[in-house]
PDB file of N, CA and C in Angstrom:
ATOM      1  N   MET A   1      17.329  -0.232   7.513  1.00  0.00           N
ATOM      2  CA  MET A   1      16.110  -0.580   8.242  1.00  0.00           C
ATOM      3  C   MET A   1      16.231  -2.033   8.692  1.00  0.00           C
ATOM      4  N   THR A   2      15.972  -2.279   9.939  1.00  0.00           N
ATOM      5  CA  THR A   2      16.081  -3.641  10.439  1.00  0.00           C
ATOM      6  C   THR A   2      14.947  -4.488   9.892  1.00  0.00           C
ATOM      7  N   SER A   3      15.172  -5.792   9.872  1.00  0.00           N
ATOM      8  CA  SER A   3      14.161  -6.676   9.299  1.00  0.00           C
ATOM      9  C   SER A   3      12.866  -6.678  10.104  1.00  0.00           C
ATOM     10  N   LYS A   4      12.965  -6.465  11.429  1.00  0.00           N
ATOM     11  CA  LYS A   4      11.746  -6.415  12.233  1.00  0.00           C
ATOM     12  C   LYS A   4      10.870  -5.246  11.832  1.00  0.00           C
ATOM     13  N   LYS A   5      11.499  -4.135  11.505  1.00  0.00           N
ATOM     14  CA  LYS A   5      10.745  -2.947  11.140  1.00  0.00           C
ATOM     15  C   LYS A   5      10.284  -2.978   9.684  1.00  0.00           C
ATOM     16  N   THR A   6      10.956  -3.725   8.845  1.00  0.00           N
ATOM     17  CA  THR A   6      10.620  -3.745   7.419  1.00  0.00           C
ATOM     18  C   THR A   6       9.184  -4.189   7.184  1.00  0.00           C
ATOM     19  N   PHE A   7       8.799  -5.312   7.758  1.00  0.00           N
ATOM     20  CA  PHE A   7       7.447  -5.826   7.541  1.00  0.00           C
ATOM     21  C   PHE A   7       6.416  -4.885   8.166  1.00  0.00           C
ATOM     22  N   ARG A   8       6.725  -4.352   9.325  1.00  0.00           N
ATOM     23  CA  ARG A   8       5.806  -3.429  10.004  1.00  0.00           C
ATOM     24  C   ARG A   8       5.579  -2.182   9.163  1.00  0.00           C
ATOM     25  N   TRP A   9       6.668  -1.606   8.632  1.00  0.00           N
ATOM     26  CA  TRP A   9       6.531  -0.420   7.786  1.00  0.00           C
ATOM     27  C   TRP A   9       5.818  -0.750   6.481  1.00  0.00           C
ATOM     28  N   PHE A  10       6.047  -1.948   5.967  1.00  0.00           N
ATOM     29  CA  PHE A  10       5.349  -2.378   4.757  1.00  0.00           C
ATOM     30  C   PHE A  10       3.841  -2.383   4.987  1.00  0.00           C
ATOM     31  N   ARG A  11       3.405  -2.972   6.097  1.00  0.00           N
ATOM     32  CA  ARG A  11       1.966  -3.030   6.384  1.00  0.00           C
ATOM     33  C   ARG A  11       1.375  -1.645   6.618  1.00  0.00           C
ATOM     34  N   LYS A  12       2.071  -0.804   7.361  1.00  0.00           N
ATOM     35  CA  LYS A  12       1.582   0.551   7.607  1.00  0.00           C
ATOM     36  C   LYS A  12       1.465   1.333   6.302  1.00  0.00           C
ATOM     37  N   THR A  13       2.465   1.200   5.456  1.00  0.00           N
ATOM     38  CA  THR A  13       2.438   1.890   4.166  1.00  0.00           C
ATOM     39  C   THR A  13       1.332   1.336   3.284  1.00  0.00           C
ATOM     40  N   ALA A  14       1.122   0.029   3.322  1.00  0.00           N
ATOM     41  CA  ALA A  14       0.054  -0.576   2.523  1.00  0.00           C
ATOM     42  C   ALA A  14      -1.307  -0.021   2.918  1.00  0.00           C
ATOM     43  N   LEU A  15      -1.541   0.114   4.209  1.00  0.00           N
ATOM     44  CA  LEU A  15      -2.820   0.656   4.667  1.00  0.00           C
ATOM     45  C   LEU A  15      -2.964   2.132   4.283  1.00  0.00           C
ATOM     46  N   ALA A  16      -1.893   2.899   4.435  1.00  0.00           N
ATOM     47  CA  ALA A  16      -1.936   4.318   4.053  1.00  0.00           C
ATOM     48  C   ALA A  16      -2.148   4.458   2.548  1.00  0.00           C
ATOM     49  N   GLU A  17      -1.499   3.604   1.767  1.00  0.00           N
ATOM     50  CA  GLU A  17      -1.671   3.623   0.310  1.00  0.00           C
ATOM     51  C   GLU A  17      -3.102   3.273  -0.060  1.00  0.00           C
ATOM     52  N   GLY A  18      -3.673   2.300   0.630  1.00  0.00           N
ATOM     53  CA  GLY A  18      -5.057   1.914   0.369  1.00  0.00           C
ATOM     54  C   GLY A  18      -6.041   3.030   0.693  1.00  0.00           C
ATOM     55  N   VAL A  19      -5.810   3.713   1.802  1.00  0.00           N
ATOM     56  CA  VAL A  19      -6.666   4.840   2.180  1.00  0.00           C
ATOM     57  C   VAL A  19      -6.533   5.964   1.157  1.00  0.00           C
ATOM     58  N   SER A  20      -5.297   6.272   0.761  1.00  0.00           N
ATOM     59  CA  SER A  20      -5.102   7.363  -0.209  1.00  0.00           C
ATOM     60  C   SER A  20      -5.741   7.038  -1.550  1.00  0.00           C
ATOM     61  N   PHE A  21      -5.715   5.769  -1.934  1.00  0.00           N
ATOM     62  CA  PHE A  21      -6.349   5.347  -3.191  1.00  0.00           C
ATOM     63  C   PHE A  21      -7.858   5.552  -3.121  1.00  0.00           C
ATOM     64  N   LEU A  22      -8.450   5.169  -2.002  1.00  0.00           N
ATOM     65  CA  LEU A  22      -9.893   5.343  -1.848  1.00  0.00           C
ATOM     66  C   LEU A  22     -10.280   6.822  -1.780  1.00  0.00           C
ATOM     67  N   VAL A  23      -9.477   7.619  -1.092  1.00  0.00           N
ATOM     68  CA  VAL A  23      -9.745   9.060  -1.038  1.00  0.00           C
ATOM     69  C   VAL A  23      -9.657   9.655  -2.439  1.00  0.00           C
ATOM     70  N   LEU A  24      -8.660   9.228  -3.191  1.00  0.00           N
ATOM     71  CA  LEU A  24      -8.517   9.701  -4.568  1.00  0.00           C
ATOM     72  C   LEU A  24      -9.725   9.326  -5.418  1.00  0.00           C
ATOM     73  N   LEU A  25     -10.145   8.060  -5.326  1.00  0.00           N
ATOM     74  CA  LEU A  25     -11.267   7.584  -6.145  1.00  0.00           C
ATOM     75  C   LEU A  25     -12.626   8.113  -5.693  1.00  0.00           C
ATOM     76  N   LEU A  26     -12.843   8.145  -4.387  1.00  0.00           N
ATOM     77  CA  LEU A  26     -14.182   8.435  -3.871  1.00  0.00           C
ATOM     78  C   LEU A  26     -14.421   9.891  -3.454  1.00  0.00           C
ATOM     79  N   ILE A  27     -13.355  10.628  -3.244  1.00  0.00           N
ATOM     80  CA  ILE A  27     -13.534  12.028  -2.824  1.00  0.00           C
ATOM     81  C   ILE A  27     -12.923  12.993  -3.839  1.00  0.00           C
ATOM     82  N   ALA A  28     -11.630  12.834  -4.124  1.00  0.00           N
ATOM     83  CA  ALA A  28     -10.942  13.796  -4.983  1.00  0.00           C
ATOM     84  C   ALA A  28     -11.460  13.788  -6.416  1.00  0.00           C
ATOM     85  N   MET A  29     -11.645  12.613  -7.002  1.00  0.00           N
ATOM     86  CA  MET A  29     -12.133  12.547  -8.387  1.00  0.00           C
ATOM     87  C   MET A  29     -13.536  13.140  -8.528  1.00  0.00           C
ATOM     88  N   PRO A  30     -14.494  12.800  -7.647  1.00  0.00           N
ATOM     89  CA  PRO A  30     -15.795  13.461  -7.745  1.00  0.00           C
ATOM     90  C   PRO A  30     -15.706  14.988  -7.551  1.00  0.00           C
ATOM     91  N   LEU A  31     -14.823  15.441  -6.653  1.00  0.00           N
ATOM     92  CA  LEU A  31     -14.655  16.888  -6.488  1.00  0.00           C
ATOM     93  C   LEU A  31     -14.148  17.531  -7.774  1.00  0.00           C
ATOM     94  N   LYS A  32     -13.235  16.841  -8.446  1.00  0.00           N
ATOM     95  CA  LYS A  32     -12.692  17.389  -9.693  1.00  0.00           C
ATOM     96  C   LYS A  32     -13.762  17.477 -10.770  1.00  0.00           C
ATOM     97  N   TYR A  33     -14.497  16.407 -10.969  1.00  0.00           N
ATOM     98  CA  TYR A  33     -15.419  16.354 -12.099  1.00  0.00           C
ATOM     99  C   TYR A  33     -16.821  16.871 -11.799  1.00  0.00           C
ATOM    100  N   LEU A  34     -17.252  16.811 -10.554  1.00  0.00           N
ATOM    101  CA  LEU A  34     -18.606  17.266 -10.221  1.00  0.00           C
ATOM    102  C   LEU A  34     -18.631  18.673  -9.619  1.00  0.00           C
ATOM    103  N   ALA A  35     -17.558  19.056  -8.925  1.00  0.00           N
ATOM    104  CA  ALA A  35     -17.538  20.368  -8.284  1.00  0.00           C
ATOM    105  C   ALA A  35     -16.479  21.293  -8.890  1.00  0.00           C
ATOM    106  N   ASN A  36     -15.831  20.823  -9.963  1.00  0.00           N
ATOM    107  CA  ASN A  36     -14.823  21.618 -10.669  1.00  0.00           C
ATOM    108  C   ASN A  36     -13.706  22.104  -9.724  1.00  0.00           C
ATOM    109  N   GLN A  37     -13.198  21.180  -8.908  1.00  0.00           N
ATOM    110  CA  GLN A  37     -12.107  21.483  -7.986  1.00  0.00           C
ATOM    111  C   GLN A  37     -10.937  20.525  -8.242  1.00  0.00           C
ATOM    112  N   PRO A  38     -10.143  20.787  -9.273  1.00  0.00           N
ATOM    113  CA  PRO A  38      -9.058  19.872  -9.641  1.00  0.00           C
ATOM    114  C   PRO A  38      -7.910  19.818  -8.629  1.00  0.00           C
ATOM    115  N   LYS A  39      -7.829  20.786  -7.742  1.00  0.00           N
ATOM    116  CA  LYS A  39      -6.750  20.810  -6.756  1.00  0.00           C
ATOM    117  C   LYS A  39      -6.787  19.571  -5.847  1.00  0.00           C
ATOM    118  N   ALA A  40      -7.978  19.063  -5.577  1.00  0.00           N
ATOM    119  CA  ALA A  40      -8.111  17.873  -4.725  1.00  0.00           C
ATOM    120  C   ALA A  40      -7.372  16.682  -5.326  1.00  0.00           C
ATOM    121  N   VAL A  41      -7.470  16.516  -6.649  1.00  0.00           N
ATOM    122  CA  VAL A  41      -6.782  15.411  -7.312  1.00  0.00           C
ATOM    123  C   VAL A  41      -5.278  15.651  -7.325  1.00  0.00           C
ATOM    124  N   SER A  42      -4.866  16.903  -7.519  1.00  0.00           N
ATOM    125  CA  SER A  42      -3.434  17.206  -7.543  1.00  0.00           C
ATOM    126  C   SER A  42      -2.775  16.831  -6.222  1.00  0.00           C
ATOM    127  N   ILE A  43      -3.367  17.239  -5.138  1.00  0.00           N
ATOM    128  CA  ILE A  43      -2.781  16.982  -3.811  1.00  0.00           C
ATOM    129  C   ILE A  43      -2.879  15.502  -3.452  1.00  0.00           C
ATOM    130  N   THR A  44      -4.067  14.948  -3.562  1.00  0.00           N
ATOM    131  CA  THR A  44      -4.268  13.543  -3.205  1.00  0.00           C
ATOM    132  C   THR A  44      -3.488  12.624  -4.134  1.00  0.00           C
ATOM    133  N   GLY A  45      -3.462  12.972  -5.411  1.00  0.00           N
ATOM    134  CA  GLY A  45      -2.735  12.160  -6.384  1.00  0.00           C
ATOM    135  C   GLY A  45      -1.245  12.106  -6.102  1.00  0.00           C
ATOM    136  N   MET A  46      -0.667  13.252  -5.717  1.00  0.00           N
ATOM    137  CA  MET A  46       0.760  13.277  -5.400  1.00  0.00           C
ATOM    138  C   MET A  46       1.044  12.442  -4.155  1.00  0.00           C
ATOM    139  N   LEU A  47       0.225  12.605  -3.137  1.00  0.00           N
ATOM    140  CA  LEU A  47       0.397  11.823  -1.911  1.00  0.00           C
ATOM    141  C   LEU A  47       0.260  10.324  -2.209  1.00  0.00           C
ATOM    142  N   HIS A  48      -0.746   9.972  -2.988  1.00  0.00           N
ATOM    143  CA  HIS A  48      -0.950   8.566  -3.336  1.00  0.00           C
ATOM    144  C   HIS A  48       0.244   8.024  -4.129  1.00  0.00           C
ATOM    145  N   GLY A  49       0.757   8.818  -5.045  1.00  0.00           N
ATOM    146  CA  GLY A  49       1.914   8.387  -5.828  1.00  0.00           C
ATOM    147  C   GLY A  49       3.127   8.097  -4.968  1.00  0.00           C
ATOM    148  N   ILE A  50       3.385   8.977  -4.019  1.00  0.00           N
ATOM    149  CA  ILE A  50       4.512   8.780  -3.099  1.00  0.00           C
ATOM    150  C   ILE A  50       4.300   7.515  -2.272  1.00  0.00           C
ATOM    151  N   LEU A  51       3.082   7.330  -1.767  1.00  0.00           N
ATOM    152  CA  LEU A  51       2.786   6.126  -0.979  1.00  0.00           C
ATOM    153  C   LEU A  51       2.869   4.863  -1.832  1.00  0.00           C
ATOM    154  N   PHE A  52       2.431   4.940  -3.084  1.00  0.00           N
ATOM    155  CA  PHE A  52       2.484   3.779  -3.977  1.00  0.00           C
ATOM    156  C   PHE A  52       3.930   3.368  -4.240  1.00  0.00           C
ATOM    157  N   ILE A  53       4.779   4.336  -4.534  1.00  0.00           N
ATOM    158  CA  ILE A  53       6.194   4.037  -4.790  1.00  0.00           C
ATOM    159  C   ILE A  53       6.850   3.468  -3.532  1.00  0.00           C
ATOM    160  N   THR A  54       6.539   4.050  -2.387  1.00  0.00           N
ATOM    161  CA  THR A  54       7.071   3.547  -1.118  1.00  0.00           C
ATOM    162  C   THR A  54       6.593   2.119  -0.868  1.00  0.00           C
ATOM    163  N   PHE A  55       5.324   1.856  -1.164  1.00  0.00           N
ATOM    164  CA  PHE A  55       4.762   0.510  -1.009  1.00  0.00           C
ATOM    165  C   PHE A  55       5.534  -0.500  -1.862  1.00  0.00           C
ATOM    166  N   ILE A  56       5.786  -0.156  -3.120  1.00  0.00           N
ATOM    167  CA  ILE A  56       6.489  -1.072  -4.026  1.00  0.00           C
ATOM    168  C   ILE A  56       7.907  -1.339  -3.521  1.00  0.00           C
ATOM    169  N   ILE A  57       8.596  -0.290  -3.089  1.00  0.00           N
ATOM    170  CA  ILE A  57       9.957  -0.456  -2.568  1.00  0.00           C
ATOM    171  C   ILE A  57       9.955  -1.351  -1.331  1.00  0.00           C
ATOM    172  N   LEU A  58       9.025  -1.103  -0.412  1.00  0.00           N
ATOM    173  CA  LEU A  58       8.960  -1.921   0.808  1.00  0.00           C
ATOM    174  C   LEU A  58       8.519  -3.356   0.513  1.00  0.00           C
ATOM    175  N   ALA A  59       7.628  -3.538  -0.449  1.00  0.00           N
ATOM    176  CA  ALA A  59       7.233  -4.901  -0.836  1.00  0.00           C
ATOM    177  C   ALA A  59       8.443  -5.663  -1.371  1.00  0.00           C
ATOM    178  N   PHE A  60       9.262  -4.981  -2.149  1.00  0.00           N
ATOM    179  CA  PHE A  60      10.477  -5.610  -2.669  1.00  0.00           C
ATOM    180  C   PHE A  60      11.445  -5.936  -1.529  1.00  0.00           C
ATOM    181  N   GLU A  61      11.561  -5.023  -0.567  1.00  0.00           N
ATOM    182  CA  GLU A  61      12.421  -5.271   0.596  1.00  0.00           C
ATOM    183  C   GLU A  61      11.921  -6.469   1.412  1.00  0.00           C
ATOM    184  N   VAL A  62      10.618  -6.545   1.645  1.00  0.00           N
ATOM    185  CA  VAL A  62      10.047  -7.675   2.387  1.00  0.00           C
ATOM    186  C   VAL A  62      10.282  -8.969   1.611  1.00  0.00           C
ATOM    187  N   LYS A  63      10.081  -8.921   0.304  1.00  0.00           N
ATOM    188  CA  LYS A  63      10.310 -10.107  -0.539  1.00  0.00           C
ATOM    189  C   LYS A  63      11.736 -10.620  -0.358  1.00  0.00           C
ATOM    190  N   ASN A  64      12.693  -9.714  -0.408  1.00  0.00           N
ATOM    191  CA  ASN A  64      14.097 -10.122  -0.288  1.00  0.00           C
ATOM    192  C   ASN A  64      14.477 -10.505   1.137  1.00  0.00           C
ATOM    193  N   THR A  65      14.025  -9.743   2.114  1.00  0.00           N
ATOM    194  CA  THR A  65      14.395  -9.998   3.511  1.00  0.00           C
ATOM    195  C   THR A  65      13.819 -11.312   4.020  1.00  0.00           C
ATOM    196  N   TYR A  66      12.580 -11.597   3.668  1.00  0.00           N
ATOM    197  CA  TYR A  66      11.895 -12.790   4.182  1.00  0.00           C
ATOM    198  C   TYR A  66      11.812 -13.920   3.158  1.00  0.00           C
ATOM    199  N   ASN A  67      12.579 -13.817   2.082  1.00  0.00           N
ATOM    200  CA  ASN A  67      12.626 -14.843   1.039  1.00  0.00           C
ATOM    201  C   ASN A  67      11.238 -15.194   0.498  1.00  0.00           C
ATOM    202  N   LYS A  68      10.451 -14.174   0.228  1.00  0.00           N
ATOM    203  CA  LYS A  68       9.125 -14.384  -0.365  1.00  0.00           C
ATOM    204  C   LYS A  68       9.297 -14.657  -1.852  1.00  0.00           C
ATOM    205  N   SER A  69       8.310 -15.308  -2.424  1.00  0.00           N
ATOM    206  CA  SER A  69       8.377 -15.641  -3.846  1.00  0.00           C
ATOM    207  C   SER A  69       7.998 -14.440  -4.712  1.00  0.00           C
ATOM    208  N   MET A  70       8.288 -14.555  -5.995  1.00  0.00           N
ATOM    209  CA  MET A  70       7.888 -13.514  -6.933  1.00  0.00           C
ATOM    210  C   MET A  70       6.358 -13.463  -7.025  1.00  0.00           C
ATOM    211  N   ALA A  71       5.703 -14.591  -6.808  1.00  0.00           N
ATOM    212  CA  ALA A  71       4.234 -14.624  -6.799  1.00  0.00           C
ATOM    213  C   ALA A  71       3.698 -13.793  -5.634  1.00  0.00           C
ATOM    214  N   TRP A  72       4.360 -13.843  -4.480  1.00  0.00           N
ATOM    215  CA  TRP A  72       3.951 -13.024  -3.338  1.00  0.00           C
ATOM    216  C   TRP A  72       4.060 -11.546  -3.705  1.00  0.00           C
ATOM    217  N   PHE A  73       5.171 -11.177  -4.345  1.00  0.00           N
ATOM    218  CA  PHE A  73       5.380  -9.787  -4.754  1.00  0.00           C
ATOM    219  C   PHE A  73       4.309  -9.364  -5.765  1.00  0.00           C
ATOM    220  N   ALA A  74       4.016 -10.219  -6.737  1.00  0.00           N
ATOM    221  CA  ALA A  74       2.994  -9.908  -7.745  1.00  0.00           C
ATOM    222  C   ALA A  74       1.617  -9.762  -7.105  1.00  0.00           C
ATOM    223  N   LYS A  75       1.312 -10.619  -6.143  1.00  0.00           N
ATOM    224  CA  LYS A  75       0.027 -10.549  -5.436  1.00  0.00           C
ATOM    225  C   LYS A  75      -0.071  -9.248  -4.637  1.00  0.00           C
ATOM    226  N   SER A  76       1.019  -8.838  -4.036  1.00  0.00           N
ATOM    227  CA  SER A  76       1.051  -7.577  -3.306  1.00  0.00           C
ATOM    228  C   SER A  76       0.846  -6.400  -4.255  1.00  0.00           C
ATOM    229  N   LEU A  77       1.503  -6.455  -5.392  1.00  0.00           N
ATOM    230  CA  LEU A  77       1.340  -5.400  -6.395  1.00  0.00           C
ATOM    231  C   LEU A  77      -0.101  -5.338  -6.873  1.00  0.00           C
ATOM    232  N   LEU A  78      -0.696  -6.471  -7.136  1.00  0.00           N
ATOM    233  CA  LEU A  78      -2.092  -6.523  -7.568  1.00  0.00           C
ATOM    234  C   LEU A  78      -3.012  -5.950  -6.486  1.00  0.00           C
ATOM    235  N   ALA A  79      -2.738  -6.266  -5.234  1.00  0.00           N
ATOM    236  CA  ALA A  79      -3.555  -5.744  -4.130  1.00  0.00           C
ATOM    237  C   ALA A  79      -3.519  -4.217  -4.096  1.00  0.00           C
ATOM    238  N   SER A  80      -2.364  -3.646  -4.437  1.00  0.00           N
ATOM    239  CA  SER A  80      -2.253  -2.190  -4.402  1.00  0.00           C
ATOM    240  C   SER A  80      -2.969  -1.525  -5.573  1.00  0.00           C
ATOM    241  N   LEU A  81      -3.259  -2.275  -6.597  1.00  0.00           N
ATOM    242  CA  LEU A  81      -3.930  -1.716  -7.774  1.00  0.00           C
ATOM    243  C   LEU A  81      -5.450  -1.815  -7.700  1.00  0.00           C
ATOM    244  N   LEU A  82      -5.956  -2.609  -6.782  1.00  0.00           N
ATOM    245  CA  LEU A  82      -7.392  -2.800  -6.652  1.00  0.00           C
ATOM    246  C   LEU A  82      -7.935  -2.055  -5.428  1.00  0.00           C
ATOM    247  N   PRO A  83      -9.069  -1.383  -5.581  1.00  0.00           N
ATOM    248  CA  PRO A  83      -9.660  -0.746  -4.401  1.00  0.00           C
ATOM    249  C   PRO A  83      -9.929  -1.792  -3.311  1.00  0.00           C
ATOM    250  N   PHE A  84      -9.601  -1.474  -2.108  1.00  0.00           N
ATOM    251  CA  PHE A  84      -9.746  -2.340  -0.933  1.00  0.00           C
ATOM    252  C   PHE A  84      -8.778  -3.529  -0.936  1.00  0.00           C
ATOM    253  N   GLY A  85      -7.927  -3.636  -1.935  1.00  0.00           N
ATOM    254  CA  GLY A  85      -7.005  -4.771  -2.036  1.00  0.00           C
ATOM    255  C   GLY A  85      -6.037  -4.868  -0.878  1.00  0.00           C
ATOM    256  N   THR A  86      -5.468  -3.727  -0.473  1.00  0.00           N
ATOM    257  CA  THR A  86      -4.502  -3.769   0.627  1.00  0.00           C
ATOM    258  C   THR A  86      -5.171  -4.079   1.957  1.00  0.00           C
ATOM    259  N   PHE A  87      -6.444  -3.694   2.089  1.00  0.00           N
ATOM    260  CA  PHE A  87      -7.174  -4.002   3.325  1.00  0.00           C
ATOM    261  C   PHE A  87      -7.467  -5.499   3.409  1.00  0.00           C
ATOM    262  N   ILE A  88      -7.809  -6.094   2.288  1.00  0.00           N
ATOM    263  CA  ILE A  88      -8.091  -7.531   2.242  1.00  0.00           C
ATOM    264  C   ILE A  88      -6.816  -8.328   2.515  1.00  0.00           C
ATOM    265  N   MET A  89      -5.703  -7.896   1.913  1.00  0.00           N
ATOM    266  CA  MET A  89      -4.440  -8.610   2.083  1.00  0.00           C
ATOM    267  C   MET A  89      -3.818  -8.400   3.459  1.00  0.00           C
ATOM    268  N   ASP A  90      -4.218  -7.356   4.174  1.00  0.00           N
ATOM    269  CA  ASP A  90      -3.592  -7.061   5.462  1.00  0.00           C
ATOM    270  C   ASP A  90      -3.726  -8.211   6.450  1.00  0.00           C
ATOM    271  N   LYS A  91      -4.833  -8.928   6.405  1.00  0.00           N
ATOM    272  CA  LYS A  91      -5.010 -10.068   7.315  1.00  0.00           C
ATOM    273  C   LYS A  91      -3.909 -11.111   7.078  1.00  0.00           C
ATOM    274  N   GLN A  92      -3.641 -11.412   5.809  1.00  0.00           N
ATOM    275  CA  GLN A  92      -2.590 -12.373   5.481  1.00  0.00           C
ATOM    276  C   GLN A  92      -1.219 -11.816   5.854  1.00  0.00           C
ATOM    277  N   TRP A  93      -0.988 -10.538   5.537  1.00  0.00           N
ATOM    278  CA  TRP A  93       0.307  -9.931   5.863  1.00  0.00           C
ATOM    279  C   TRP A  93       0.556  -9.880   7.362  1.00  0.00           C
ATOM    280  N   ARG A  94      -0.487  -9.617   8.141  1.00  0.00           N
ATOM    281  CA  ARG A  94      -0.352  -9.595   9.604  1.00  0.00           C
ATOM    282  C   ARG A  94       0.067 -10.978  10.100  1.00  0.00           C
ATOM    283  N   LYS A  95      -0.558 -12.020   9.560  1.00  0.00           N
ATOM    284  CA  LYS A  95      -0.213 -13.395   9.944  1.00  0.00           C
ATOM    285  C   LYS A  95       1.232 -13.713   9.551  1.00  0.00           C
ATOM    286  N   GLU A  96       1.608 -13.331   8.340  1.00  0.00           N
ATOM    287  CA  GLU A  96       2.979 -13.571   7.879  1.00  0.00           C
ATOM    288  C   GLU A  96       3.989 -12.825   8.741  1.00  0.00           C
ATOM    289  N   GLU A  97       3.656 -11.599   9.107  1.00  0.00           N
ATOM    290  CA  GLU A  97       4.546 -10.813   9.959  1.00  0.00           C
ATOM    291  C   GLU A  97       4.720 -11.492  11.310  1.00  0.00           C
ATOM    292  N   ARG A  98       3.621 -11.947  11.874  1.00  0.00           N
ATOM    293  CA  ARG A  98       3.672 -12.617  13.187  1.00  0.00           C
ATOM    294  C   ARG A  98       4.509 -13.889  13.119  1.00  0.00           C
ATOM    295  N   LEU A  99       4.390 -14.644  12.040  1.00  0.00           N
ATOM    296  CA  LEU A  99       5.157 -15.888  11.899  1.00  0.00           C
ATOM    297  C   LEU A  99       6.613 -15.629  11.559  1.00  0.00           C
ATOM    298  N   SER A 100       6.902 -14.543  10.897  1.00  0.00           N
ATOM    299  CA  SER A 100       8.262 -14.259  10.439  1.00  0.00           C
ATOM    300  C   SER A 100       9.119 -13.592  11.499  1.00  0.00           C
ATOM    301  N   ILE A 101       8.508 -12.868  12.408  1.00  0.00           N
ATOM    302  CA  ILE A 101       9.266 -12.087  13.371  1.00  0.00           C
ATOM    303  C   ILE A 101       9.077 -12.660  14.770  1.00  0.00           C
ATOM    304  N   PRO A 102      10.116 -13.200  15.353  1.00  0.00           N
ATOM    305  CA  PRO A 102       9.995 -13.680  16.736  1.00  0.00           C
ATOM    306  C   PRO A 102       9.888 -12.496  17.691  1.00  0.00           C
ATOM    307  N   ASP A 103       9.122 -12.673  18.767  1.00  0.00           N
ATOM    308  CA  ASP A 103       8.940 -11.597  19.759  1.00  0.00           C
ATOM    309  C   ASP A 103      10.146 -11.342  20.580  1.00  0.00           C
TER     310      ASP A 103
END
């Protein structure tokens, strides 16, 4: 994967991971416990897991490609663990992407 695409894919995956986390917390979990439909958690949980692992791999790639600090990586990891975290961090990541990648 080229370095120009690495940061872009990282941001796209971060947003998808954030959406899947919210769907899991706000839709699938209530369906499981309030409507007795555990299948929603199974499907959403698997999708979220795949996106989470992809997010971590891409965060590590961005860290190495753009010489980010371990603190940047830890902050990214923390953002993925908190609801709305990836949405809040996206503004900073967009700025970093713009500064890191020449047009």
